[in-house]
Amino acid sequence: MLKLYCWGGVSEQGRSCFLLGDGNGFILLDCGVKRTFTAFKAGEYPQWDVNLLTRIDATFLSHAHEDHCGALPLLTKLGIQRPIYTHHLVVPEVTQSCSAWLQVVDSAGHKKPYEMEHILSLLLNPVGFGEKIAIKNCEIFFNPSGHVPGSAWFDIMWGTKRIIYTGDWCTSSLLFSPPEFSGHADAVVLDGAYGAAVIMQDNIYEQLLGAITATVSKGGSVLLPVPRIGRSQEILVLLNSALKVSVPIYVEAPILAGLRGFLRDPEKSGIKCPAQIVNIGYDEKIKEFHRTSEIPQKGEAIILATDAMGSSGATKELIDRLGISEKNTIIFTGFLYEGTKGEQVLKGAVDGIKARVARFIWKVHPDWKDIEDMLGKIKGDPTVIITHVAREKGDELARLLRQKGVRAIVPRVGEIIDLSSFS
């Protein structure tokens, strides 16, 4: 019987990890960490069955955000050396992402879950979009998901069953073309991060640009905590093309390095606006920085810094530095895990923060309209397994889908779903 083991990333956002198998073969789909902190521990990891974990034939990684890859080195720590297939643009990002997670844990004063040797021992195998990997009775096709560079959704044929594993996907990226779903499917493991919400991305652009303009026009600076890859580059493209006020934009070096990397092979990267990226490289107002000391203490500025949660690196330093002045603004643009410095700043729980604090959700996942459109293109009567969203929002999305006659499941961590009867 073909089963899906939900080891993380269901009824929650974070630690995505799924085992798919029929007893004769098993594959792991993503293997992430959930960024939560208490006085006693840092991070929540997949709740796996180690006996089954040791039987995996391979891992398929959709992209290198920590909530999808941050637990991979635990496999090598456990002595499980199996090939990990991911897009060639994602391969170098895995080391960066897992190393960054180690630094976050270490800086918080907690015991590290693994060591650099476990990260460097990962058996990463690069794959291109359109390629197929065959594992026993299973074929997995890689397709672009539009979330970040190299992010993929997996088209899985297991015997006679077709399963779509969306990973994280987005239809409104400024950099990447939207994913294309079609054909008959028996099950869809769906990224439902925004639940039943409808997000008007053009409105978000206007709100973000308006808040930035208002701040710098009054002599203040704006801090944008962002991830190193993906949303950071999209925001930079927007600022470079649409911001009307002329102020220096300080961008942390890894963000620009990622942007330049797209240009090495735009076609394979799936970039739809290489000319805009080239323009950024020649724009004098774009200032690259490696250390926060390179950013002047006075004068208006826009600063893009990692990490997006505000718990480490340049962002943590700059929150403390810019937060003391009411002229400045700190703008978060994505999900914030409970207990991170960003989440604490947003809810006003950090002493000494006088700057304005705002959050505008930059769309990097599907909303209700995207999901409705996607399922309308898939033939058959697939069961939809909702992932990557908190229980309450997942239930709301499931209710909407059921009203349209779609079988929708919101599993809990540890649940096992029998896919054999799905058709």
Protein backbone atom coordinates (compact mmCIF):
# COMPACT_ATOMS: atom_id res chain seq x y z
CA MET A 1 0.00 0.00 0.00
CA LEU A 2 1.28 3.44 -0.91
CA LYS A 3 1.38 5.68 2.16
CA LEU A 4 2.32 9.26 2.99
CA TYR A 5 3.88 9.71 6.43
CA CYS A 6 3.48 13.27 7.69
CA TRP A 7 6.57 13.86 9.81
CA GLY A 8 6.34 17.67 9.83
CA GLY A 9 4.87 20.67 8.03
CA VAL A 10 1.21 19.79 8.61
CA SER A 11 -1.12 21.79 10.86
CA GLU A 12 1.90 24.05 11.25
CA GLN A 13 4.30 26.14 9.20
CA GLY A 14 7.83 24.79 9.40
CA ARG A 15 9.84 21.50 9.41
CA SER A 16 8.28 20.20 6.19
CA CYS A 17 9.07 16.49 5.96
CA PHE A 18 7.16 13.65 4.31
CA LEU A 19 7.95 10.00 3.71
CA LEU A 20 6.31 8.40 0.67
CA GLY A 21 6.51 4.66 0.18
CA ASP A 22 4.86 1.29 -0.36
CA GLY A 23 7.03 -0.97 1.81
CA ASN A 24 9.31 -1.91 -1.06
CA GLY A 25 10.69 1.58 -1.55
CA PHE A 26 10.66 4.91 0.27
CA ILE A 27 11.54 8.49 -0.63
CA LEU A 28 11.81 11.50 1.64
CA LEU A 29 10.24 14.76 0.47
CA ASP A 30 12.00 17.72 2.15
CA CYS A 31 13.52 17.64 5.62
CA GLY A 32 13.26 20.97 7.44
CA VAL A 33 13.40 22.62 10.83
CA LYS A 34 10.83 24.82 12.53
CA ARG A 35 12.43 27.96 13.96
CA THR A 36 11.07 28.09 17.49
CA PHE A 37 12.95 28.97 20.65
CA THR A 38 12.39 28.30 24.33
CA ALA A 39 14.70 28.60 27.31
CA PHE A 40 15.60 24.94 26.86
CA LYS A 41 15.78 24.29 23.12
CA ALA A 42 16.14 25.84 19.68
CA GLY A 43 14.16 24.45 16.80
CA GLU A 44 11.66 21.66 16.26
CA TYR A 45 12.66 18.78 13.99
CA PRO A 46 10.68 16.16 12.05
CA GLN A 47 8.97 13.52 14.17
CA TRP A 48 10.24 10.58 12.18
CA ASP A 49 10.29 6.87 12.71
CA VAL A 50 14.01 6.10 12.62
CA ASN A 51 13.41 2.50 11.52
CA LEU A 52 11.56 3.75 8.43
CA LEU A 53 14.00 6.62 7.94
CA THR A 54 16.89 4.16 7.55
CA ARG A 55 15.00 2.50 4.68
CA ILE A 56 14.79 5.56 2.42
CA ASP A 57 16.22 5.20 -1.07
CA ALA A 58 16.64 8.94 -1.68
CA THR A 59 15.56 12.41 -0.61
CA PHE A 60 13.98 15.00 -2.91
CA LEU A 61 14.49 18.59 -1.83
CA SER A 62 12.14 21.24 -3.23
CA HIS A 63 14.33 24.22 -2.20
CA ALA A 64 16.84 25.34 0.42
CA HIS A 65 14.87 27.42 2.91
CA GLU A 66 15.58 26.10 6.41
CA ASP A 67 12.01 24.92 6.94
CA HIS A 68 12.58 22.49 4.07
CA CYS A 69 16.27 21.58 4.37
CA GLY A 70 17.46 22.49 7.89
CA ALA A 71 17.20 18.94 9.26
CA LEU A 72 18.98 17.20 6.36
CA PRO A 73 22.35 17.03 8.18
CA LEU A 74 20.66 14.96 10.90
CA LEU A 75 20.48 12.18 8.30
CA THR A 76 24.25 12.06 7.95
CA LYS A 77 24.61 12.39 11.72
CA LEU A 78 22.46 9.24 11.98
CA GLY A 79 24.67 7.54 9.39
CA ILE A 80 22.03 7.66 6.64
CA GLN A 81 23.95 8.41 3.45
CA ARG A 82 21.48 8.49 0.58
CA PRO A 83 21.40 10.67 -2.54
CA ILE A 84 19.61 14.02 -2.18
CA TYR A 85 18.18 15.27 -5.48
CA THR A 86 17.56 18.98 -5.92
CA HIS A 87 17.85 21.66 -8.60
CA HIS A 88 21.41 22.70 -9.47
CA LEU A 89 20.76 26.25 -8.22
CA VAL A 90 19.66 24.87 -4.86
CA VAL A 91 22.76 22.69 -4.27
CA PRO A 92 25.06 25.51 -3.00
CA GLU A 93 22.20 27.06 -1.03
CA VAL A 94 21.79 23.97 1.16
CA THR A 95 25.20 24.45 2.76
CA GLN A 96 24.53 28.16 3.27
CA SER A 97 21.09 27.59 4.80
CA CYS A 98 22.13 24.79 7.17
CA SER A 99 25.26 26.70 8.22
CA ALA A 100 23.16 29.79 8.93
CA TRP A 101 20.81 27.71 11.08
CA LEU A 102 23.79 26.43 13.10
CA GLN A 103 24.90 30.02 13.69
CA VAL A 104 21.41 31.03 14.84
CA VAL A 105 21.28 28.14 17.31
CA ASP A 106 24.82 28.81 18.56
CA SER A 107 24.23 32.56 18.99
CA ALA A 108 21.12 31.79 21.04
CA GLY A 109 23.27 29.77 23.42
CA HIS A 110 21.84 26.34 22.60
CA LYS A 111 23.55 23.07 21.74
CA LYS A 112 24.02 22.64 17.99
CA PRO A 113 21.94 19.82 16.48
CA TYR A 114 24.76 18.78 14.15
CA GLU A 115 28.21 19.91 12.99
CA MET A 116 29.61 21.33 9.76
CA GLU A 117 31.00 17.90 8.89
CA HIS A 118 27.44 16.58 8.69
CA ILE A 119 26.46 19.41 6.34
CA LEU A 120 29.47 18.89 4.11
CA SER A 121 28.79 15.13 3.95
CA LEU A 122 25.36 15.54 2.34
CA LEU A 123 25.18 13.66 -0.97
CA LEU A 124 23.67 16.47 -3.04
CA ASN A 125 22.86 15.59 -6.66
CA PRO A 126 22.00 18.45 -9.06
CA VAL A 127 18.96 18.08 -11.29
CA GLY A 128 17.56 20.38 -14.00
CA PHE A 129 13.95 21.30 -14.63
CA GLY A 130 12.25 18.78 -16.89
CA GLU A 131 14.53 15.95 -15.76
CA LYS A 132 13.28 12.63 -14.41
CA ILE A 133 14.73 10.56 -11.57
CA ALA A 134 13.69 6.90 -11.33
CA ILE A 135 13.74 5.16 -7.95
CA LYS A 136 12.49 1.54 -7.99
CA ASN A 137 8.75 1.72 -8.78
CA CYS A 138 8.73 5.52 -8.75
CA GLU A 139 9.48 8.31 -11.25
CA ILE A 140 9.90 11.91 -10.09
CA PHE A 141 9.90 14.84 -12.51
CA PHE A 142 11.31 18.27 -11.53
CA ASN A 143 9.28 21.36 -12.47
CA PRO A 144 9.76 25.07 -11.56
CA SER A 145 7.52 26.29 -8.73
CA GLY A 146 8.15 30.07 -8.95
CA HIS A 147 8.98 30.42 -5.23
CA VAL A 148 12.76 31.01 -5.23
CA PRO A 149 15.63 30.24 -7.65
CA GLY A 150 15.62 26.54 -8.43
CA SER A 151 12.54 25.77 -6.32
CA ALA A 152 10.66 22.78 -7.67
CA TRP A 153 7.36 20.99 -7.51
CA PHE A 154 7.51 17.23 -7.97
CA ASP A 155 5.38 15.25 -10.39
CA ILE A 156 5.51 11.75 -8.88
CA MET A 157 4.40 8.57 -10.64
CA TRP A 158 4.34 5.64 -8.22
CA GLY A 159 3.08 2.65 -10.12
CA THR A 160 -0.31 3.76 -11.42
CA LYS A 161 -0.70 6.62 -8.93
CA ARG A 162 0.18 10.22 -9.74
CA ILE A 163 0.97 12.49 -6.80
CA ILE A 164 1.70 16.19 -7.12
CA TYR A 165 3.95 17.53 -4.36
CA THR A 166 3.85 21.30 -4.80
CA GLY A 167 6.61 22.29 -2.39
CA ASP A 168 6.37 26.07 -1.93
CA TRP A 169 4.91 27.70 -5.05
CA CYS A 170 4.00 31.17 -6.23
CA THR A 171 2.20 32.60 -9.26
CA SER A 172 3.12 36.27 -8.89
CA SER A 173 6.91 36.44 -8.71
CA LEU A 174 8.67 39.43 -10.27
CA LEU A 175 11.58 37.16 -11.17
CA PHE A 176 10.18 33.77 -12.09
CA SER A 177 7.45 32.42 -14.33
CA PRO A 178 4.49 30.77 -12.54
CA PRO A 179 4.31 26.97 -12.22
CA GLU A 180 2.17 25.02 -14.65
CA PHE A 181 -0.04 22.22 -13.34
CA SER A 182 -2.12 19.94 -15.56
CA GLY A 183 -3.19 16.37 -16.22
CA HIS A 184 -4.84 13.74 -14.08
CA ALA A 185 -3.77 13.37 -10.44
CA ASP A 186 -4.77 11.08 -7.58
CA ALA A 187 -3.45 13.28 -4.78
CA VAL A 188 -2.07 16.79 -4.35
CA VAL A 189 0.21 17.55 -1.39
CA LEU A 190 -0.55 21.26 -1.36
CA ASP A 191 1.25 24.31 -0.02
CA GLY A 192 -1.61 26.23 1.60
CA ALA A 193 0.47 28.75 3.57
CA TYR A 194 -2.06 31.60 3.33
CA GLY A 195 -5.11 29.46 4.02
CA ALA A 196 -8.24 30.89 2.38
CA ALA A 197 -6.87 34.45 2.15
CA VAL A 198 -6.78 36.41 -1.11
CA ILE A 199 -3.68 38.58 -1.38
CA MET A 200 -3.58 41.48 -3.80
CA GLN A 201 0.13 41.72 -4.54
CA ASP A 202 -0.13 45.04 -6.39
CA ASN A 203 -1.61 46.57 -3.23
CA ILE A 204 1.33 45.22 -1.23
CA TYR A 205 3.75 46.88 -3.66
CA GLU A 206 1.96 50.21 -3.21
CA GLN A 207 1.86 49.94 0.58
CA LEU A 208 5.52 49.02 0.81
CA LEU A 209 6.67 51.79 -1.53
CA GLY A 210 4.41 54.28 0.26
CA ALA A 211 5.78 53.43 3.71
CA ILE A 212 9.36 53.68 2.48
CA THR A 213 8.75 57.00 0.71
CA ALA A 214 7.03 58.48 3.77
CA THR A 215 9.93 57.52 6.03
CA VAL A 216 12.85 58.73 3.90
CA SER A 217 10.98 61.93 2.99
CA LYS A 218 11.02 62.81 6.70
CA GLY A 219 14.72 62.09 7.08
CA GLY A 220 14.44 58.53 8.36
CA SER A 221 15.85 55.19 7.27
CA VAL A 222 14.07 51.93 6.49
CA LEU A 223 15.24 48.45 7.49
CA LEU A 224 13.89 45.49 5.53
CA PRO A 225 14.80 42.15 7.18
CA VAL A 226 14.75 39.62 4.34
CA PRO A 227 15.87 36.08 3.48
CA ARG A 228 19.13 35.78 1.60
CA ILE A 229 17.53 34.26 -1.50
CA GLY A 230 14.16 34.90 -3.16
CA ARG A 231 12.03 37.63 -1.63
CA SER A 232 15.09 39.84 -1.05
CA GLN A 233 15.96 39.95 -4.74
CA GLU A 234 12.34 40.55 -5.75
CA ILE A 235 12.05 43.49 -3.36
CA LEU A 236 15.28 44.90 -4.74
CA VAL A 237 13.92 44.66 -8.29
CA LEU A 238 10.78 46.52 -7.18
CA LEU A 239 12.74 49.26 -5.39
CA ASN A 240 15.07 49.73 -8.32
CA SER A 241 12.26 50.01 -10.86
CA ALA A 242 9.43 51.73 -8.97
CA LEU A 243 10.75 53.78 -6.04
CA LYS A 244 10.43 57.49 -6.83
CA VAL A 245 12.65 58.93 -4.10
CA SER A 246 16.40 58.85 -4.63
CA VAL A 247 18.22 57.50 -1.57
CA PRO A 248 21.03 54.97 -1.19
CA ILE A 249 19.93 51.35 -0.94
CA TYR A 250 22.33 49.30 1.17
CA VAL A 251 22.16 45.61 0.32
CA GLU A 252 23.94 42.90 2.27
CA ALA A 253 26.53 41.16 0.08
CA PRO A 254 24.98 37.65 -0.03
CA ILE A 255 21.75 39.10 -1.48
CA LEU A 256 23.59 40.71 -4.38
CA ALA A 257 25.74 37.60 -4.83
CA GLY A 258 22.57 35.57 -5.25
CA LEU A 259 21.21 38.06 -7.75
CA ARG A 260 24.41 37.92 -9.83
CA GLY A 261 24.23 34.15 -9.73
CA PHE A 262 20.95 34.20 -11.63
CA LEU A 263 22.71 35.79 -14.59
CA ARG A 264 25.21 32.98 -15.07
CA ASP A 265 22.54 30.98 -16.84
CA PRO A 266 19.24 32.93 -17.00
CA GLU A 267 17.49 30.28 -19.07
CA LYS A 268 18.21 27.45 -16.63
CA SER A 269 17.53 29.79 -13.71
CA GLY A 270 14.07 30.52 -15.06
CA ILE A 271 14.62 34.28 -14.71
CA LYS A 272 12.11 36.33 -16.71
CA CYS A 273 13.71 39.77 -16.25
CA PRO A 274 17.52 39.49 -16.71
CA ALA A 275 17.76 43.06 -18.08
CA GLN A 276 16.42 44.51 -14.82
CA ILE A 277 18.98 42.54 -12.85
CA VAL A 278 21.81 43.83 -15.04
CA ASN A 279 20.56 47.38 -14.42
CA ILE A 280 20.75 46.86 -10.67
CA GLY A 281 24.42 45.97 -11.01
CA TYR A 282 25.15 49.36 -12.61
CA ASP A 283 22.92 51.51 -10.41
CA GLU A 284 25.02 53.85 -8.27
CA LYS A 285 22.45 54.08 -5.51
CA ILE A 286 22.81 50.33 -4.80
CA LYS A 287 25.52 49.98 -2.14
CA GLU A 288 26.85 46.54 -1.21
CA PHE A 289 27.82 46.00 2.42
CA HIS A 290 29.52 43.14 4.27
CA ARG A 291 29.43 44.60 7.78
CA THR A 292 26.94 46.98 9.38
CA SER A 293 29.80 49.39 10.12
CA GLU A 294 29.89 50.17 6.37
CA ILE A 295 26.44 51.80 6.60
CA PRO A 296 26.65 55.49 7.61
CA GLN A 297 25.14 56.37 10.98
CA LYS A 298 23.46 59.49 9.58
CA GLY A 299 21.38 60.23 6.49
CA GLU A 300 18.38 58.57 4.88
CA ALA A 301 18.85 55.04 3.63
CA ILE A 302 17.03 51.84 2.74
CA ILE A 303 18.70 48.70 4.06
CA LEU A 304 18.08 45.09 2.99
CA ALA A 305 19.68 42.73 5.50
CA THR A 306 19.52 39.07 6.53
CA ASP A 307 18.01 37.32 8.40
CA ALA A 308 14.27 37.72 7.89
CA MET A 309 13.43 36.65 11.45
CA GLY A 310 15.66 39.31 13.00
CA SER A 311 17.32 36.84 15.35
CA SER A 312 20.86 36.95 14.01
CA GLY A 313 23.37 38.62 11.72
CA ALA A 314 23.10 42.11 10.30
CA THR A 315 19.36 42.35 10.89
CA LYS A 316 19.70 41.79 14.62
CA GLU A 317 22.35 44.53 14.87
CA LEU A 318 20.42 46.98 12.71
CA ILE A 319 17.17 46.52 14.63
CA ASP A 320 19.01 47.67 17.73
CA ARG A 321 20.68 50.54 15.88
CA LEU A 322 17.76 51.91 13.89
CA GLY A 323 15.08 51.00 16.40
CA ILE A 324 16.04 53.74 18.84
CA SER A 325 14.82 56.53 16.55
CA GLU A 326 11.15 57.26 15.89
CA LYS A 327 12.12 58.67 12.47
CA ASN A 328 13.01 55.18 11.22
CA THR A 329 10.84 52.29 10.08
CA ILE A 330 11.35 48.54 10.32
CA ILE A 331 9.30 46.60 7.77
CA PHE A 332 8.84 42.84 7.88
CA THR A 333 7.53 41.19 4.72
CA GLY A 334 6.95 37.56 5.66
CA PHE A 335 6.06 34.97 8.25
CA LEU A 336 7.67 35.37 11.68
CA TYR A 337 8.08 32.40 14.00
CA GLU A 338 7.00 32.87 17.59
CA GLY A 339 9.88 33.78 19.87
CA THR A 340 12.13 35.24 17.17
CA LYS A 341 13.37 38.78 17.65
CA GLY A 342 11.35 39.93 14.64
CA GLU A 343 8.14 38.55 16.11
CA GLN A 344 8.92 40.19 19.44
CA VAL A 345 9.64 43.54 17.77
CA LEU A 346 6.44 43.36 15.73
CA LYS A 347 4.25 42.83 18.77
CA GLY A 348 6.02 45.57 20.73
CA ALA A 349 7.71 43.32 23.28
CA VAL A 350 11.28 44.65 22.82
CA ASP A 351 12.29 47.54 25.06
CA GLY A 352 13.77 50.64 23.46
CA ILE A 353 12.17 50.28 20.03
CA LYS A 354 10.83 53.70 19.06
CA ALA A 355 10.89 53.19 15.28
CA ARG A 356 7.67 52.49 13.44
CA VAL A 357 7.24 48.74 12.90
CA ALA A 358 5.08 47.35 10.10
CA ARG A 359 4.50 44.14 8.20
CA PHE A 360 3.33 43.78 4.60
CA ILE A 361 3.07 40.16 3.48
CA TRP A 362 5.07 39.81 0.27
CA LYS A 363 3.35 37.05 -1.63
CA VAL A 364 5.61 34.01 -2.08
CA HIS A 365 2.96 31.30 -1.68
CA PRO A 366 -0.41 30.61 -3.33
CA ASP A 367 -3.55 32.32 -2.10
CA TRP A 368 -7.12 31.02 -2.44
CA LYS A 369 -7.51 32.23 -6.03
CA ASP A 370 -4.26 30.53 -7.07
CA ILE A 371 -5.31 27.25 -5.46
CA GLU A 372 -8.76 27.42 -7.03
CA ASP A 373 -7.23 28.04 -10.46
CA MET A 374 -4.62 25.32 -10.02
CA LEU A 375 -7.12 22.63 -9.03
CA GLY A 376 -9.34 23.68 -11.91
CA LYS A 377 -6.56 22.64 -14.29
CA ILE A 378 -6.09 19.18 -12.78
CA LYS A 379 -8.24 16.37 -14.08
CA GLY A 380 -9.74 13.56 -12.06
CA ASP A 381 -10.88 13.92 -8.48
CA PRO A 382 -7.64 14.28 -6.51
CA THR A 383 -7.56 14.28 -2.73
CA VAL A 384 -5.90 17.48 -1.51
CA ILE A 385 -3.57 17.16 1.49
CA ILE A 386 -3.10 20.65 2.92
CA THR A 387 0.35 21.47 4.30
CA HIS A 388 2.56 24.40 5.34
CA VAL A 389 -0.15 26.20 7.31
CA ALA A 390 -1.39 26.39 10.90
CA ARG A 391 -4.35 24.18 11.77
CA GLU A 392 -7.00 26.89 11.97
CA LYS A 393 -6.13 28.40 8.58
CA GLY A 394 -5.82 24.93 7.06
CA ASP A 395 -9.29 23.99 8.27
CA GLU A 396 -10.70 27.17 6.75
CA LEU A 397 -9.10 26.36 3.39
CA ALA A 398 -10.37 22.76 3.60
CA ARG A 399 -13.94 23.98 4.21
CA LEU A 400 -13.82 26.13 1.09
CA LEU A 401 -12.47 23.27 -0.98
CA ARG A 402 -15.12 20.85 0.32
CA GLN A 403 -17.83 23.33 -0.62
CA LYS A 404 -16.55 22.95 -4.19
CA GLY A 405 -16.68 19.17 -3.97
CA VAL A 406 -12.94 18.65 -3.37
CA ARG A 407 -11.82 16.01 -0.87
CA ALA A 408 -9.49 17.95 1.44
CA ILE A 409 -7.45 16.69 4.39
CA VAL A 410 -5.65 18.73 7.06
CA PRO A 411 -3.44 16.10 8.73
CA ARG A 412 -1.53 16.40 11.98
CA VAL A 413 2.15 15.68 12.56
CA GLY A 414 2.60 11.92 12.84
CA GLU A 415 -0.47 11.06 10.75
CA ILE A 416 -0.16 8.37 8.07
CA ILE A 417 -2.32 8.70 4.95
CA ASP A 418 -3.12 5.67 2.81
CA LEU A 419 -2.95 6.80 -0.83
CA SER A 420 -3.77 3.39 -2.31
CA SER A 421 -7.50 4.02 -2.44
CA PHE A 422 -7.23 7.50 -3.94
CA SER A 423 -8.19 7.82 -7.61
